[in-house]
Amino acid sequence: MCHIVHKPPEHDEPRDSTWGDVALDEMYALLRRRGIEPRLCEAYVYGGGNMFPALFPERHVGLGNARWTLEALAADGVRVLAHDTGGNAYRRLAWTVG
C-alpha cells in the first residue's frame, strides 16, 4: 500500500514520502529489494475525494493527486485493475493479504 498525500510540486522543496513521486520511488525500491519488478505488479487506486467542497467547489488537491497517481502508474507500466476516485467523501479500505 502506498498512501500519496501530495502530488509532486512544480518547484524544488524538501519532500518526504507523503509526496507521490517519493512514495512511489520508495515503494518500488522496497519491491525490487525483494526481487519484484514494479511493472509486474497490479494496482488499485482509491481516494482523491474533496474533503472540503464548500471551500474548494471545483479544483481540489484530491483530484490532482488521483490524476497524478493514475498517470504515474501508467508511465511506470503498472496496470491499474480498478479505481474509485473523486467525489466529496473519504473511503474506508480493508483487504486481506494472501
N, C-alpha and C. Protein backbone atom coordinates (compact mmCIF):
# COMPACT_ATOMS: atom_id res chain seq x y z
N MET A 1 0.85 -1.18 0.00
CA MET A 1 0.00 0.00 0.00
C MET A 1 0.89 1.23 0.00
N CYS A 2 0.47 2.19 -0.75
CA CYS A 2 1.21 3.44 -0.86
C CYS A 2 0.21 4.57 -0.70
N HIS A 3 0.33 5.36 0.35
CA HIS A 3 -0.58 6.47 0.59
C HIS A 3 0.05 7.76 0.10
N ILE A 4 -0.52 8.33 -0.94
CA ILE A 4 0.02 9.55 -1.52
C ILE A 4 -0.79 10.73 -1.01
N VAL A 5 -0.11 11.65 -0.36
CA VAL A 5 -0.78 12.81 0.21
C VAL A 5 -0.67 14.02 -0.72
N HIS A 6 0.46 14.14 -1.41
CA HIS A 6 0.70 15.29 -2.28
C HIS A 6 1.27 14.82 -3.61
N LYS A 7 0.76 15.39 -4.69
CA LYS A 7 1.41 15.15 -5.98
C LYS A 7 2.69 15.98 -6.00
N PRO A 8 3.66 15.64 -6.85
CA PRO A 8 4.91 16.40 -6.88
C PRO A 8 4.67 17.89 -7.16
N PRO A 9 5.36 18.76 -6.45
CA PRO A 9 5.20 20.20 -6.67
C PRO A 9 5.89 20.64 -7.95
N GLU A 10 5.56 21.82 -8.39
CA GLU A 10 6.15 22.39 -9.60
C GLU A 10 7.57 22.91 -9.35
N HIS A 11 7.93 23.10 -8.11
CA HIS A 11 9.24 23.65 -7.78
C HIS A 11 9.94 22.73 -6.78
N ASP A 12 11.24 22.92 -6.63
CA ASP A 12 12.02 22.12 -5.70
C ASP A 12 11.78 22.57 -4.28
N GLU A 13 11.54 21.64 -3.42
CA GLU A 13 11.44 21.89 -1.98
C GLU A 13 11.69 20.56 -1.28
N PRO A 14 12.08 20.61 -0.02
CA PRO A 14 12.31 19.35 0.69
C PRO A 14 11.03 18.51 0.72
N ARG A 15 11.17 17.21 0.40
CA ARG A 15 9.99 16.36 0.37
C ARG A 15 10.29 15.04 1.07
N ASP A 16 9.25 14.44 1.60
CA ASP A 16 9.36 13.12 2.20
C ASP A 16 8.37 12.20 1.49
N SER A 17 8.10 11.05 2.06
CA SER A 17 7.28 10.06 1.37
C SER A 17 5.79 10.39 1.36
N THR A 18 5.39 11.55 1.87
CA THR A 18 3.99 11.97 1.67
C THR A 18 3.80 12.50 0.26
N TRP A 19 4.90 12.82 -0.42
CA TRP A 19 4.84 13.28 -1.80
C TRP A 19 4.82 12.06 -2.73
N GLY A 20 3.96 12.10 -3.73
CA GLY A 20 3.73 10.96 -4.60
C GLY A 20 4.97 10.39 -5.25
N ASP A 21 5.81 11.23 -5.82
CA ASP A 21 6.99 10.71 -6.50
C ASP A 21 7.94 10.03 -5.54
N VAL A 22 8.12 10.59 -4.35
CA VAL A 22 8.99 9.99 -3.35
C VAL A 22 8.38 8.68 -2.85
N ALA A 23 7.07 8.68 -2.58
CA ALA A 23 6.40 7.47 -2.07
C ALA A 23 6.50 6.32 -3.07
N LEU A 24 6.23 6.60 -4.35
CA LEU A 24 6.32 5.54 -5.35
C LEU A 24 7.75 5.05 -5.51
N ASP A 25 8.71 5.96 -5.53
CA ASP A 25 10.12 5.55 -5.64
C ASP A 25 10.52 4.65 -4.47
N GLU A 26 10.10 5.01 -3.26
CA GLU A 26 10.43 4.20 -2.08
C GLU A 26 9.75 2.83 -2.16
N MET A 27 8.48 2.81 -2.58
CA MET A 27 7.77 1.54 -2.69
C MET A 27 8.42 0.66 -3.76
N TYR A 28 8.77 1.24 -4.89
CA TYR A 28 9.44 0.48 -5.95
C TYR A 28 10.77 -0.08 -5.47
N ALA A 29 11.53 0.71 -4.71
CA ALA A 29 12.81 0.24 -4.19
C ALA A 29 12.61 -0.93 -3.23
N LEU A 30 11.60 -0.86 -2.37
CA LEU A 30 11.32 -1.96 -1.45
C LEU A 30 10.92 -3.22 -2.22
N LEU A 31 10.12 -3.06 -3.26
CA LEU A 31 9.74 -4.22 -4.08
C LEU A 31 10.97 -4.84 -4.74
N ARG A 32 11.81 -4.00 -5.33
CA ARG A 32 13.00 -4.50 -6.02
C ARG A 32 13.95 -5.22 -5.07
N ARG A 33 14.07 -4.73 -3.83
CA ARG A 33 14.93 -5.41 -2.85
C ARG A 33 14.43 -6.82 -2.56
N ARG A 34 13.16 -7.04 -2.81
CA ARG A 34 12.58 -8.38 -2.61
C ARG A 34 12.49 -9.16 -3.92
N GLY A 35 13.12 -8.61 -4.97
CA GLY A 35 13.16 -9.29 -6.25
C GLY A 35 11.90 -9.14 -7.08
N ILE A 36 11.09 -8.13 -6.79
CA ILE A 36 9.84 -7.91 -7.51
C ILE A 36 9.96 -6.66 -8.37
N GLU A 37 9.76 -6.80 -9.66
CA GLU A 37 9.79 -5.65 -10.56
C GLU A 37 8.42 -4.96 -10.51
N PRO A 38 8.38 -3.66 -10.18
CA PRO A 38 7.11 -2.96 -10.03
C PRO A 38 6.17 -3.07 -11.24
N ARG A 39 6.71 -3.07 -12.45
CA ARG A 39 5.83 -3.12 -13.63
C ARG A 39 5.12 -4.46 -13.77
N LEU A 40 5.53 -5.46 -12.98
CA LEU A 40 4.83 -6.74 -12.97
C LEU A 40 3.70 -6.78 -11.92
N CYS A 41 3.58 -5.70 -11.17
CA CYS A 41 2.54 -5.61 -10.15
C CYS A 41 1.26 -5.03 -10.74
N GLU A 42 0.19 -5.18 -10.00
CA GLU A 42 -1.10 -4.60 -10.38
C GLU A 42 -1.54 -3.69 -9.25
N ALA A 43 -2.32 -2.66 -9.58
CA ALA A 43 -2.69 -1.67 -8.57
C ALA A 43 -4.20 -1.43 -8.56
N TYR A 44 -4.65 -0.99 -7.41
CA TYR A 44 -5.99 -0.45 -7.22
C TYR A 44 -5.77 0.96 -6.68
N VAL A 45 -6.51 1.93 -7.17
CA VAL A 45 -6.34 3.32 -6.74
C VAL A 45 -7.67 3.81 -6.17
N TYR A 46 -7.62 4.28 -4.93
CA TYR A 46 -8.80 4.78 -4.25
C TYR A 46 -8.49 6.13 -3.64
N GLY A 47 -9.48 6.99 -3.56
CA GLY A 47 -9.31 8.26 -2.86
C GLY A 47 -9.49 9.44 -3.78
N GLY A 48 -8.82 10.50 -3.45
CA GLY A 48 -8.90 11.71 -4.25
C GLY A 48 -10.19 12.48 -4.04
N GLY A 49 -10.85 12.23 -2.92
CA GLY A 49 -12.10 12.94 -2.65
C GLY A 49 -11.87 14.37 -2.20
N ASN A 50 -12.86 15.20 -2.40
CA ASN A 50 -12.82 16.59 -1.96
C ASN A 50 -13.39 16.64 -0.55
N MET A 51 -12.52 16.71 0.42
CA MET A 51 -12.96 16.70 1.81
C MET A 51 -13.55 18.04 2.25
N PHE A 52 -13.36 19.09 1.46
CA PHE A 52 -13.84 20.41 1.82
C PHE A 52 -14.55 21.06 0.63
N PRO A 53 -15.69 20.50 0.18
CA PRO A 53 -16.35 21.01 -1.03
C PRO A 53 -16.86 22.44 -0.89
N ALA A 54 -17.16 22.89 0.31
CA ALA A 54 -17.62 24.28 0.49
C ALA A 54 -16.48 25.26 0.23
N LEU A 55 -15.25 24.85 0.53
CA LEU A 55 -14.09 25.73 0.31
C LEU A 55 -13.51 25.59 -1.09
N PHE A 56 -13.58 24.38 -1.66
CA PHE A 56 -13.00 24.11 -2.96
C PHE A 56 -14.04 23.42 -3.84
N PRO A 57 -14.98 24.17 -4.40
CA PRO A 57 -16.08 23.55 -5.14
C PRO A 57 -15.67 22.88 -6.46
N GLU A 58 -14.55 23.28 -7.05
CA GLU A 58 -14.16 22.71 -8.33
C GLU A 58 -12.83 21.98 -8.22
N ARG A 59 -11.74 22.68 -8.42
CA ARG A 59 -10.42 22.04 -8.37
C ARG A 59 -9.99 21.90 -6.91
N HIS A 60 -9.53 20.69 -6.55
CA HIS A 60 -9.08 20.46 -5.19
C HIS A 60 -7.89 19.50 -5.22
N VAL A 61 -7.17 19.43 -4.13
CA VAL A 61 -5.93 18.66 -4.09
C VAL A 61 -6.17 17.18 -4.33
N GLY A 62 -7.27 16.63 -3.85
CA GLY A 62 -7.54 15.21 -4.05
C GLY A 62 -7.66 14.83 -5.51
N LEU A 63 -8.32 15.68 -6.28
CA LEU A 63 -8.50 15.43 -7.71
C LEU A 63 -7.14 15.40 -8.41
N GLY A 64 -6.30 16.36 -8.10
CA GLY A 64 -4.97 16.40 -8.70
C GLY A 64 -4.13 15.19 -8.30
N ASN A 65 -4.23 14.77 -7.04
CA ASN A 65 -3.48 13.61 -6.57
C ASN A 65 -3.92 12.34 -7.29
N ALA A 66 -5.23 12.17 -7.44
CA ALA A 66 -5.74 10.96 -8.10
C ALA A 66 -5.30 10.91 -9.56
N ARG A 67 -5.41 12.03 -10.25
CA ARG A 67 -4.97 12.08 -11.65
C ARG A 67 -3.48 11.79 -11.77
N TRP A 68 -2.70 12.43 -10.91
CA TRP A 68 -1.26 12.22 -10.96
C TRP A 68 -0.93 10.76 -10.73
N THR A 69 -1.56 10.14 -9.76
CA THR A 69 -1.28 8.75 -9.43
C THR A 69 -1.58 7.82 -10.60
N LEU A 70 -2.74 7.99 -11.22
CA LEU A 70 -3.10 7.14 -12.36
C LEU A 70 -2.11 7.33 -13.51
N GLU A 71 -1.70 8.57 -13.76
CA GLU A 71 -0.74 8.84 -14.84
C GLU A 71 0.63 8.28 -14.50
N ALA A 72 1.06 8.41 -13.24
CA ALA A 72 2.38 7.92 -12.84
C ALA A 72 2.44 6.40 -12.94
N LEU A 73 1.41 5.72 -12.49
CA LEU A 73 1.39 4.26 -12.58
C LEU A 73 1.42 3.81 -14.04
N ALA A 74 0.65 4.49 -14.89
CA ALA A 74 0.65 4.15 -16.32
C ALA A 74 2.04 4.36 -16.92
N ALA A 75 2.67 5.47 -16.58
CA ALA A 75 4.01 5.76 -17.11
C ALA A 75 5.04 4.73 -16.63
N ASP A 76 4.83 4.18 -15.44
CA ASP A 76 5.75 3.20 -14.88
C ASP A 76 5.41 1.77 -15.32
N GLY A 77 4.35 1.62 -16.09
CA GLY A 77 3.97 0.30 -16.58
C GLY A 77 3.23 -0.57 -15.58
N VAL A 78 2.67 0.05 -14.53
CA VAL A 78 1.90 -0.69 -13.53
C VAL A 78 0.43 -0.65 -13.93
N ARG A 79 -0.14 -1.83 -14.13
CA ARG A 79 -1.54 -1.92 -14.57
C ARG A 79 -2.48 -1.64 -13.40
N VAL A 80 -3.43 -0.74 -13.62
CA VAL A 80 -4.44 -0.43 -12.61
C VAL A 80 -5.66 -1.30 -12.91
N LEU A 81 -5.98 -2.19 -11.97
CA LEU A 81 -7.10 -3.10 -12.16
C LEU A 81 -8.44 -2.42 -11.94
N ALA A 82 -8.48 -1.48 -10.99
CA ALA A 82 -9.71 -0.74 -10.71
C ALA A 82 -9.35 0.54 -9.99
N HIS A 83 -10.23 1.53 -10.11
CA HIS A 83 -10.04 2.75 -9.35
C HIS A 83 -11.39 3.36 -9.01
N ASP A 84 -11.43 4.01 -7.87
CA ASP A 84 -12.61 4.72 -7.40
C ASP A 84 -12.08 6.01 -6.80
N THR A 85 -12.19 7.10 -7.55
CA THR A 85 -11.60 8.36 -7.12
C THR A 85 -12.62 9.48 -7.24
N GLY A 86 -12.32 10.58 -6.57
CA GLY A 86 -13.15 11.78 -6.65
C GLY A 86 -14.29 11.76 -5.64
N GLY A 87 -15.28 12.58 -5.91
CA GLY A 87 -16.42 12.70 -5.00
C GLY A 87 -16.12 13.62 -3.84
N ASN A 88 -17.04 13.65 -2.90
CA ASN A 88 -16.91 14.53 -1.73
C ASN A 88 -16.84 13.76 -0.42
N ALA A 89 -16.29 12.57 -0.45
CA ALA A 89 -16.23 11.78 0.77
C ALA A 89 -14.91 11.01 0.83
N TYR A 90 -14.62 10.51 2.01
CA TYR A 90 -13.44 9.66 2.17
C TYR A 90 -13.84 8.21 1.91
N ARG A 91 -12.87 7.34 1.83
CA ARG A 91 -13.11 5.92 1.64
C ARG A 91 -12.46 5.15 2.77
N ARG A 92 -13.09 4.07 3.15
CA ARG A 92 -12.53 3.18 4.17
C ARG A 92 -12.17 1.88 3.45
N LEU A 93 -10.90 1.48 3.54
CA LEU A 93 -10.45 0.29 2.83
C LEU A 93 -10.08 -0.82 3.81
N ALA A 94 -10.33 -2.03 3.39
CA ALA A 94 -9.91 -3.21 4.14
C ALA A 94 -9.55 -4.27 3.10
N TRP A 95 -8.49 -5.03 3.36
CA TRP A 95 -8.10 -6.08 2.43
C TRP A 95 -7.38 -7.17 3.20
N THR A 96 -7.32 -8.31 2.56
CA THR A 96 -6.61 -9.46 3.12
C THR A 96 -5.43 -9.75 2.21
N VAL A 97 -4.25 -9.82 2.79
CA VAL A 97 -3.05 -10.12 2.04
C VAL A 97 -2.91 -11.65 2.05
N GLY A 98 -2.76 -12.21 0.87
CA GLY A 98 -2.63 -13.66 0.84
C GLY A 98 -2.29 -14.14 -0.54
